[in-house]
Amino acid sequence: MFRLQQGVSAVSFTIHKKENIMESIIGLLILIADIYAIVKIIQSSADTVKKILWILGVLIFPVLGLIVWYLAGPGSKTD
């Protein structure tokens, strides 16, 4: 019985390790996308106040801010 518990524990550890790796990869991709968005915001022709507001939006709401910036931010097709 003790061996079975060790096996279950090892499987559980492996699953959690894979989940942590996946979460880390997703977090890293979001960070890279946010940095890209901030660089593009800085390079845009928008005025300084709009740039600051967009950067704050991306920093405060990393995923939502990135999506909104992509759809409607400075330099978008709707701008």
PDB file of N, CA and C in Angstrom:
ATOM      1  N   MET A   1       0.827  -1.199   0.000  1.00  0.00           N
ATOM      2  CA  MET A   1       0.000   0.000   0.000  1.00  0.00           C
ATOM      3  C   MET A   1       0.864   1.254   0.000  1.00  0.00           C
ATOM      4  N   PHE A   2       1.989   1.180   0.721  1.00  0.00           N
ATOM      5  CA  PHE A   2       2.868   2.341   0.795  1.00  0.00           C
ATOM      6  C   PHE A   2       3.439   2.689  -0.579  1.00  0.00           C
ATOM      7  N   ARG A   3       3.769   1.664  -1.380  1.00  0.00           N
ATOM      8  CA  ARG A   3       4.296   1.909  -2.721  1.00  0.00           C
ATOM      9  C   ARG A   3       3.245   2.577  -3.605  1.00  0.00           C
ATOM     10  N   LEU A   4       2.008   2.163  -3.472  1.00  0.00           N
ATOM     11  CA  LEU A   4       0.931   2.760  -4.251  1.00  0.00           C
ATOM     12  C   LEU A   4       0.788   4.238  -3.905  1.00  0.00           C
ATOM     13  N   GLN A   5       0.875   4.571  -2.634  1.00  0.00           N
ATOM     14  CA  GLN A   5       0.782   5.970  -2.224  1.00  0.00           C
ATOM     15  C   GLN A   5       1.954   6.770  -2.775  1.00  0.00           C
ATOM     16  N   GLN A   6       3.143   6.190  -2.791  1.00  0.00           N
ATOM     17  CA  GLN A   6       4.291   6.888  -3.362  1.00  0.00           C
ATOM     18  C   GLN A   6       4.075   7.125  -4.850  1.00  0.00           C
ATOM     19  N   GLY A   7       3.534   6.127  -5.550  1.00  0.00           N
ATOM     20  CA  GLY A   7       3.279   6.272  -6.980  1.00  0.00           C
ATOM     21  C   GLY A   7       2.258   7.358  -7.265  1.00  0.00           C
ATOM     22  N   VAL A   8       1.199   7.380  -6.490  1.00  0.00           N
ATOM     23  CA  VAL A   8       0.174   8.414  -6.648  1.00  0.00           C
ATOM     24  C   VAL A   8       0.766   9.780  -6.353  1.00  0.00           C
ATOM     25  N   SER A   9       1.585   9.848  -5.327  1.00  0.00           N
ATOM     26  CA  SER A   9       2.227  11.108  -4.971  1.00  0.00           C
ATOM     27  C   SER A   9       3.146  11.580  -6.088  1.00  0.00           C
ATOM     28  N   ALA A  10       3.889  10.665  -6.689  1.00  0.00           N
ATOM     29  CA  ALA A  10       4.795  11.021  -7.785  1.00  0.00           C
ATOM     30  C   ALA A  10       4.017  11.506  -8.995  1.00  0.00           C
ATOM     31  N   VAL A  11       2.900  10.850  -9.308  1.00  0.00           N
ATOM     32  CA  VAL A  11       2.061  11.271 -10.431  1.00  0.00           C
ATOM     33  C   VAL A  11       1.489  12.649 -10.152  1.00  0.00           C
ATOM     34  N   SER A  12       1.008  12.859  -8.942  1.00  0.00           N
ATOM     35  CA  SER A  12       0.458  14.157  -8.557  1.00  0.00           C
ATOM     36  C   SER A  12       1.510  15.245  -8.681  1.00  0.00           C
ATOM     37  N   PHE A  13       2.738  14.954  -8.230  1.00  0.00           N
ATOM     38  CA  PHE A  13       3.828  15.922  -8.319  1.00  0.00           C
ATOM     39  C   PHE A  13       4.133  16.246  -9.773  1.00  0.00           C
ATOM     40  N   THR A  14       4.157  15.225 -10.642  1.00  0.00           N
ATOM     41  CA  THR A  14       4.444  15.429 -12.059  1.00  0.00           C
ATOM     42  C   THR A  14       3.368  16.290 -12.705  1.00  0.00           C
ATOM     43  N   ILE A  15       2.115  16.045 -12.377  1.00  0.00           N
ATOM     44  CA  ILE A  15       1.021  16.837 -12.937  1.00  0.00           C
ATOM     45  C   ILE A  15       1.143  18.288 -12.488  1.00  0.00           C
ATOM     46  N   HIS A  16       1.418  18.511 -11.208  1.00  0.00           N
ATOM     47  CA  HIS A  16       1.552  19.880 -10.715  1.00  0.00           C
ATOM     48  C   HIS A  16       2.757  20.565 -11.335  1.00  0.00           C
ATOM     49  N   LYS A  17       3.834  19.834 -11.545  1.00  0.00           N
ATOM     50  CA  LYS A  17       5.025  20.408 -12.164  1.00  0.00           C
ATOM     51  C   LYS A  17       4.711  20.850 -13.590  1.00  0.00           C
ATOM     52  N   LYS A  18       3.972  20.025 -14.335  1.00  0.00           N
ATOM     53  CA  LYS A  18       3.593  20.380 -15.704  1.00  0.00           C
ATOM     54  C   LYS A  18       2.665  21.591 -15.713  1.00  0.00           C
ATOM     55  N   GLU A  19       1.747  21.661 -14.755  1.00  0.00           N
ATOM     56  CA  GLU A  19       0.853  22.817 -14.659  1.00  0.00           C
ATOM     57  C   GLU A  19       1.654  24.082 -14.377  1.00  0.00           C
ATOM     58  N   ASN A  20       2.629  23.990 -13.479  1.00  0.00           N
ATOM     59  CA  ASN A  20       3.454  25.153 -13.154  1.00  0.00           C
ATOM     60  C   ASN A  20       4.268  25.604 -14.353  1.00  0.00           C
ATOM     61  N   ILE A  21       4.794  24.660 -15.117  1.00  0.00           N
ATOM     62  CA  ILE A  21       5.563  25.014 -16.307  1.00  0.00           C
ATOM     63  C   ILE A  21       4.658  25.709 -17.311  1.00  0.00           C
ATOM     64  N   MET A  22       3.452  25.187 -17.519  1.00  0.00           N
ATOM     65  CA  MET A  22       2.513  25.786 -18.468  1.00  0.00           C
ATOM     66  C   MET A  22       2.105  27.187 -18.023  1.00  0.00           C
ATOM     67  N   GLU A  23       1.838  27.363 -16.737  1.00  0.00           N
ATOM     68  CA  GLU A  23       1.496  28.689 -16.219  1.00  0.00           C
ATOM     69  C   GLU A  23       2.657  29.653 -16.408  1.00  0.00           C
ATOM     70  N   SER A  24       3.870  29.184 -16.219  1.00  0.00           N
ATOM     71  CA  SER A  24       5.048  30.032 -16.401  1.00  0.00           C
ATOM     72  C   SER A  24       5.202  30.447 -17.855  1.00  0.00           C
ATOM     73  N   ILE A  25       4.971  29.520 -18.770  1.00  0.00           N
ATOM     74  CA  ILE A  25       5.074  29.833 -20.198  1.00  0.00           C
ATOM     75  C   ILE A  25       4.013  30.851 -20.592  1.00  0.00           C
ATOM     76  N   ILE A  26       2.792  30.662 -20.127  1.00  0.00           N
ATOM     77  CA  ILE A  26       1.716  31.609 -20.439  1.00  0.00           C
ATOM     78  C   ILE A  26       2.041  32.983 -19.864  1.00  0.00           C
ATOM     79  N   GLY A  27       2.521  33.020 -18.634  1.00  0.00           N
ATOM     80  CA  GLY A  27       2.900  34.288 -18.019  1.00  0.00           C
ATOM     81  C   GLY A  27       4.011  34.983 -18.781  1.00  0.00           C
ATOM     82  N   LEU A  28       4.988  34.210 -19.239  1.00  0.00           N
ATOM     83  CA  LEU A  28       6.095  34.779 -20.009  1.00  0.00           C
ATOM     84  C   LEU A  28       5.603  35.334 -21.342  1.00  0.00           C
ATOM     85  N   LEU A  29       4.697  34.625 -22.001  1.00  0.00           N
ATOM     86  CA  LEU A  29       4.138  35.115 -23.265  1.00  0.00           C
ATOM     87  C   LEU A  29       3.352  36.410 -23.067  1.00  0.00           C
ATOM     88  N   ILE A  30       2.602  36.488 -21.981  1.00  0.00           N
ATOM     89  CA  ILE A  30       1.862  37.718 -21.686  1.00  0.00           C
ATOM     90  C   ILE A  30       2.832  38.860 -21.416  1.00  0.00           C
ATOM     91  N   LEU A  31       3.898  38.592 -20.669  1.00  0.00           N
ATOM     92  CA  LEU A  31       4.904  39.619 -20.389  1.00  0.00           C
ATOM     93  C   LEU A  31       5.551  40.113 -21.675  1.00  0.00           C
ATOM     94  N   ILE A  32       5.927  39.204 -22.564  1.00  0.00           N
ATOM     95  CA  ILE A  32       6.534  39.591 -23.840  1.00  0.00           C
ATOM     96  C   ILE A  32       5.558  40.423 -24.666  1.00  0.00           C
ATOM     97  N   ALA A  33       4.298  40.005 -24.724  1.00  0.00           N
ATOM     98  CA  ALA A  33       3.292  40.750 -25.485  1.00  0.00           C
ATOM     99  C   ALA A  33       3.068  42.137 -24.889  1.00  0.00           C
ATOM    100  N   ASP A  34       3.060  42.241 -23.562  1.00  0.00           N
ATOM    101  CA  ASP A  34       2.891  43.548 -22.914  1.00  0.00           C
ATOM    102  C   ASP A  34       4.078  44.463 -23.200  1.00  0.00           C
ATOM    103  N   ILE A  35       5.282  43.925 -23.156  1.00  0.00           N
ATOM    104  CA  ILE A  35       6.468  44.731 -23.469  1.00  0.00           C
ATOM    105  C   ILE A  35       6.405  45.203 -24.916  1.00  0.00           C
ATOM    106  N   TYR A  36       6.007  44.327 -25.824  1.00  0.00           N
ATOM    107  CA  TYR A  36       5.847  44.701 -27.227  1.00  0.00           C
ATOM    108  C   TYR A  36       4.827  45.832 -27.370  1.00  0.00           C
ATOM    109  N   ALA A  37       3.693  45.699 -26.683  1.00  0.00           N
ATOM    110  CA  ALA A  37       2.652  46.727 -26.755  1.00  0.00           C
ATOM    111  C   ALA A  37       3.166  48.057 -26.222  1.00  0.00           C
ATOM    112  N   ILE A  38       3.893  48.031 -25.117  1.00  0.00           N
ATOM    113  CA  ILE A  38       4.420  49.272 -24.535  1.00  0.00           C
ATOM    114  C   ILE A  38       5.411  49.928 -25.485  1.00  0.00           C
ATOM    115  N   VAL A  39       6.272  49.141 -26.112  1.00  0.00           N
ATOM    116  CA  VAL A  39       7.226  49.701 -27.084  1.00  0.00           C
ATOM    117  C   VAL A  39       6.469  50.329 -28.246  1.00  0.00           C
ATOM    118  N   LYS A  40       5.457  49.642 -28.755  1.00  0.00           N
ATOM    119  CA  LYS A  40       4.664  50.184 -29.868  1.00  0.00           C
ATOM    120  C   LYS A  40       3.903  51.443 -29.455  1.00  0.00           C
ATOM    121  N   ILE A  41       3.423  51.480 -28.228  1.00  0.00           N
ATOM    122  CA  ILE A  41       2.734  52.678 -27.734  1.00  0.00           C
ATOM    123  C   ILE A  41       3.704  53.849 -27.701  1.00  0.00           C
ATOM    124  N   ILE A  42       4.895  53.624 -27.190  1.00  0.00           N
ATOM    125  CA  ILE A  42       5.901  54.688 -27.116  1.00  0.00           C
ATOM    126  C   ILE A  42       6.275  55.168 -28.510  1.00  0.00           C
ATOM    127  N   GLN A  43       6.359  54.268 -29.476  1.00  0.00           N
ATOM    128  CA  GLN A  43       6.736  54.631 -30.841  1.00  0.00           C
ATOM    129  C   GLN A  43       5.594  55.260 -31.633  1.00  0.00           C
ATOM    130  N   SER A  44       4.379  55.211 -31.122  1.00  0.00           N
ATOM    131  CA  SER A  44       3.231  55.726 -31.867  1.00  0.00           C
ATOM    132  C   SER A  44       3.269  57.252 -31.931  1.00  0.00           C
ATOM    133  N   SER A  45       2.447  57.791 -32.805  1.00  0.00           N
ATOM    134  CA  SER A  45       2.396  59.243 -32.976  1.00  0.00           C
ATOM    135  C   SER A  45       1.363  59.901 -32.062  1.00  0.00           C
ATOM    136  N   ALA A  46       0.784  59.156 -31.152  1.00  0.00           N
ATOM    137  CA  ALA A  46      -0.206  59.704 -30.221  1.00  0.00           C
ATOM    138  C   ALA A  46       0.460  60.703 -29.282  1.00  0.00           C
ATOM    139  N   ASP A  47      -0.353  61.604 -28.725  1.00  0.00           N
ATOM    140  CA  ASP A  47       0.230  62.574 -27.793  1.00  0.00           C
ATOM    141  C   ASP A  47       0.629  61.883 -26.487  1.00  0.00           C
ATOM    142  N   THR A  48       1.423  62.575 -25.701  1.00  0.00           N
ATOM    143  CA  THR A  48       2.032  61.994 -24.502  1.00  0.00           C
ATOM    144  C   THR A  48       1.001  61.510 -23.491  1.00  0.00           C
ATOM    145  N   VAL A  49      -0.063  62.260 -23.297  1.00  0.00           N
ATOM    146  CA  VAL A  49      -1.082  61.867 -22.318  1.00  0.00           C
ATOM    147  C   VAL A  49      -1.729  60.542 -22.726  1.00  0.00           C
ATOM    148  N   LYS A  50      -2.070  60.404 -24.002  1.00  0.00           N
ATOM    149  CA  LYS A  50      -2.667  59.151 -24.473  1.00  0.00           C
ATOM    150  C   LYS A  50      -1.692  57.992 -24.315  1.00  0.00           C
ATOM    151  N   LYS A  51      -0.423  58.241 -24.609  1.00  0.00           N
ATOM    152  CA  LYS A  51       0.583  57.188 -24.448  1.00  0.00           C
ATOM    153  C   LYS A  51       0.660  56.727 -22.998  1.00  0.00           C
ATOM    154  N   ILE A  52       0.691  57.685 -22.081  1.00  0.00           N
ATOM    155  CA  ILE A  52       0.771  57.349 -20.655  1.00  0.00           C
ATOM    156  C   ILE A  52      -0.458  56.551 -20.224  1.00  0.00           C
ATOM    157  N   LEU A  53      -1.639  56.971 -20.672  1.00  0.00           N
ATOM    158  CA  LEU A  53      -2.867  56.256 -20.311  1.00  0.00           C
ATOM    159  C   LEU A  53      -2.872  54.834 -20.869  1.00  0.00           C
ATOM    160  N   TRP A  54      -2.437  54.670 -22.113  1.00  0.00           N
ATOM    161  CA  TRP A  54      -2.383  53.331 -22.699  1.00  0.00           C
ATOM    162  C   TRP A  54      -1.373  52.452 -21.969  1.00  0.00           C
ATOM    163  N   ILE A  55      -0.219  53.010 -21.641  1.00  0.00           N
ATOM    164  CA  ILE A  55       0.800  52.236 -20.918  1.00  0.00           C
ATOM    165  C   ILE A  55       0.272  51.825 -19.547  1.00  0.00           C
ATOM    166  N   LEU A  56      -0.383  52.743 -18.847  1.00  0.00           N
ATOM    167  CA  LEU A  56      -0.961  52.403 -17.542  1.00  0.00           C
ATOM    168  C   LEU A  56      -2.014  51.304 -17.675  1.00  0.00           C
ATOM    169  N   GLY A  57      -2.835  51.395 -18.713  1.00  0.00           N
ATOM    170  CA  GLY A  57      -3.850  50.368 -18.938  1.00  0.00           C
ATOM    171  C   GLY A  57      -3.243  48.994 -19.164  1.00  0.00           C
ATOM    172  N   VAL A  58      -2.169  48.950 -19.946  1.00  0.00           N
ATOM    173  CA  VAL A  58      -1.501  47.673 -20.211  1.00  0.00           C
ATOM    174  C   VAL A  58      -0.809  47.152 -18.954  1.00  0.00           C
ATOM    175  N   LEU A  59      -0.243  48.043 -18.151  1.00  0.00           N
ATOM    176  CA  LEU A  59       0.450  47.611 -16.935  1.00  0.00           C
ATOM    177  C   LEU A  59      -0.519  47.165 -15.838  1.00  0.00           C
ATOM    178  N   ILE A  60      -1.631  47.877 -15.691  1.00  0.00           N
ATOM    179  CA  ILE A  60      -2.587  47.554 -14.626  1.00  0.00           C
ATOM    180  C   ILE A  60      -3.423  46.321 -14.984  1.00  0.00           C
ATOM    181  N   PHE A  61      -3.805  46.209 -16.245  1.00  0.00           N
ATOM    182  CA  PHE A  61      -4.611  45.072 -16.718  1.00  0.00           C
ATOM    183  C   PHE A  61      -3.851  44.369 -17.845  1.00  0.00           C
ATOM    184  N   PRO A  62      -2.871  43.538 -17.517  1.00  0.00           N
ATOM    185  CA  PRO A  62      -1.978  42.992 -18.544  1.00  0.00           C
ATOM    186  C   PRO A  62      -2.684  42.293 -19.709  1.00  0.00           C
ATOM    187  N   VAL A  63      -3.638  41.443 -19.451  1.00  0.00           N
ATOM    188  CA  VAL A  63      -4.287  40.711 -20.540  1.00  0.00           C
ATOM    189  C   VAL A  63      -5.364  41.569 -21.193  1.00  0.00           C
ATOM    190  N   LEU A  64      -6.269  42.106 -20.402  1.00  0.00           N
ATOM    191  CA  LEU A  64      -7.349  42.931 -20.941  1.00  0.00           C
ATOM    192  C   LEU A  64      -6.797  44.192 -21.608  1.00  0.00           C
ATOM    193  N   GLY A  65      -5.832  44.830 -20.977  1.00  0.00           N
ATOM    194  CA  GLY A  65      -5.224  46.027 -21.552  1.00  0.00           C
ATOM    195  C   GLY A  65      -4.569  45.743 -22.888  1.00  0.00           C
ATOM    196  N   LEU A  66      -3.929  44.592 -22.998  1.00  0.00           N
ATOM    197  CA  LEU A  66      -3.287  44.194 -24.249  1.00  0.00           C
ATOM    198  C   LEU A  66      -4.321  43.989 -25.346  1.00  0.00           C
ATOM    199  N   ILE A  67      -5.421  43.338 -25.015  1.00  0.00           N
ATOM    200  CA  ILE A  67      -6.479  43.095 -26.004  1.00  0.00           C
ATOM    201  C   ILE A  67      -7.104  44.409 -26.459  1.00  0.00           C
ATOM    202  N   VAL A  68      -7.422  45.277 -25.516  1.00  0.00           N
ATOM    203  CA  VAL A  68      -8.035  46.566 -25.863  1.00  0.00           C
ATOM    204  C   VAL A  68      -7.062  47.409 -26.675  1.00  0.00           C
ATOM    205  N   TRP A  69      -5.778  47.416 -26.289  1.00  0.00           N
ATOM    206  CA  TRP A  69      -4.774  48.164 -27.054  1.00  0.00           C
ATOM    207  C   TRP A  69      -4.698  47.636 -28.481  1.00  0.00           C
ATOM    208  N   TYR A  70      -4.693  46.324 -28.638  1.00  0.00           N
ATOM    209  CA  TYR A  70      -4.596  45.731 -29.968  1.00  0.00           C
ATOM    210  C   TYR A  70      -5.786  46.137 -30.834  1.00  0.00           C
ATOM    211  N   LEU A  71      -6.967  46.188 -30.242  1.00  0.00           N
ATOM    212  CA  LEU A  71      -8.170  46.506 -31.008  1.00  0.00           C
ATOM    213  C   LEU A  71      -8.362  47.998 -31.242  1.00  0.00           C
ATOM    214  N   ALA A  72      -7.973  48.843 -30.273  1.00  0.00           N
ATOM    215  CA  ALA A  72      -8.331  50.261 -30.374  1.00  0.00           C
ATOM    216  C   ALA A  72      -7.215  51.221 -30.002  1.00  0.00           C
ATOM    217  N   GLY A  73      -6.034  50.737 -29.742  1.00  0.00           N
ATOM    218  CA  GLY A  73      -4.957  51.603 -29.263  1.00  0.00           C
ATOM    219  C   GLY A  73      -4.371  52.502 -30.329  1.00  0.00           C
ATOM    220  N   PRO A  74      -3.397  53.329 -29.924  1.00  0.00           N
ATOM    221  CA  PRO A  74      -2.739  54.218 -30.874  1.00  0.00           C
ATOM    222  C   PRO A  74      -2.101  53.408 -31.995  1.00  0.00           C
ATOM    223  N   GLY A  75      -2.370  53.818 -33.212  1.00  0.00           N
ATOM    224  CA  GLY A  75      -1.802  53.124 -34.357  1.00  0.00           C
ATOM    225  C   GLY A  75      -2.679  51.994 -34.871  1.00  0.00           C
ATOM    226  N   SER A  76      -3.826  51.756 -34.224  1.00  0.00           N
ATOM    227  CA  SER A  76      -4.722  50.709 -34.723  1.00  0.00           C
ATOM    228  C   SER A  76      -5.443  51.222 -35.963  1.00  0.00           C
ATOM    229  N   LYS A  77      -6.100  50.342 -36.662  1.00  0.00           N
ATOM    230  CA  LYS A  77      -6.787  50.724 -37.894  1.00  0.00           C
ATOM    231  C   LYS A  77      -7.971  51.639 -37.639  1.00  0.00           C
ATOM    232  N   THR A  78      -8.503  51.613 -36.401  1.00  0.00           N
ATOM    233  CA  THR A  78      -9.639  52.470 -36.080  1.00  0.00           C
ATOM    234  C   THR A  78      -9.197  53.845 -35.614  1.00  0.00           C
ATOM    235  N   ASP A  79      -7.895  54.027 -35.380  1.00  0.00           N
ATOM    236  CA  ASP A  79      -7.373  55.298 -34.869  1.00  0.00           C
ATOM    237  C   ASP A  79      -7.245  56.313 -35.975  1.00  0.00           C
TER     238      ASP A  79
END
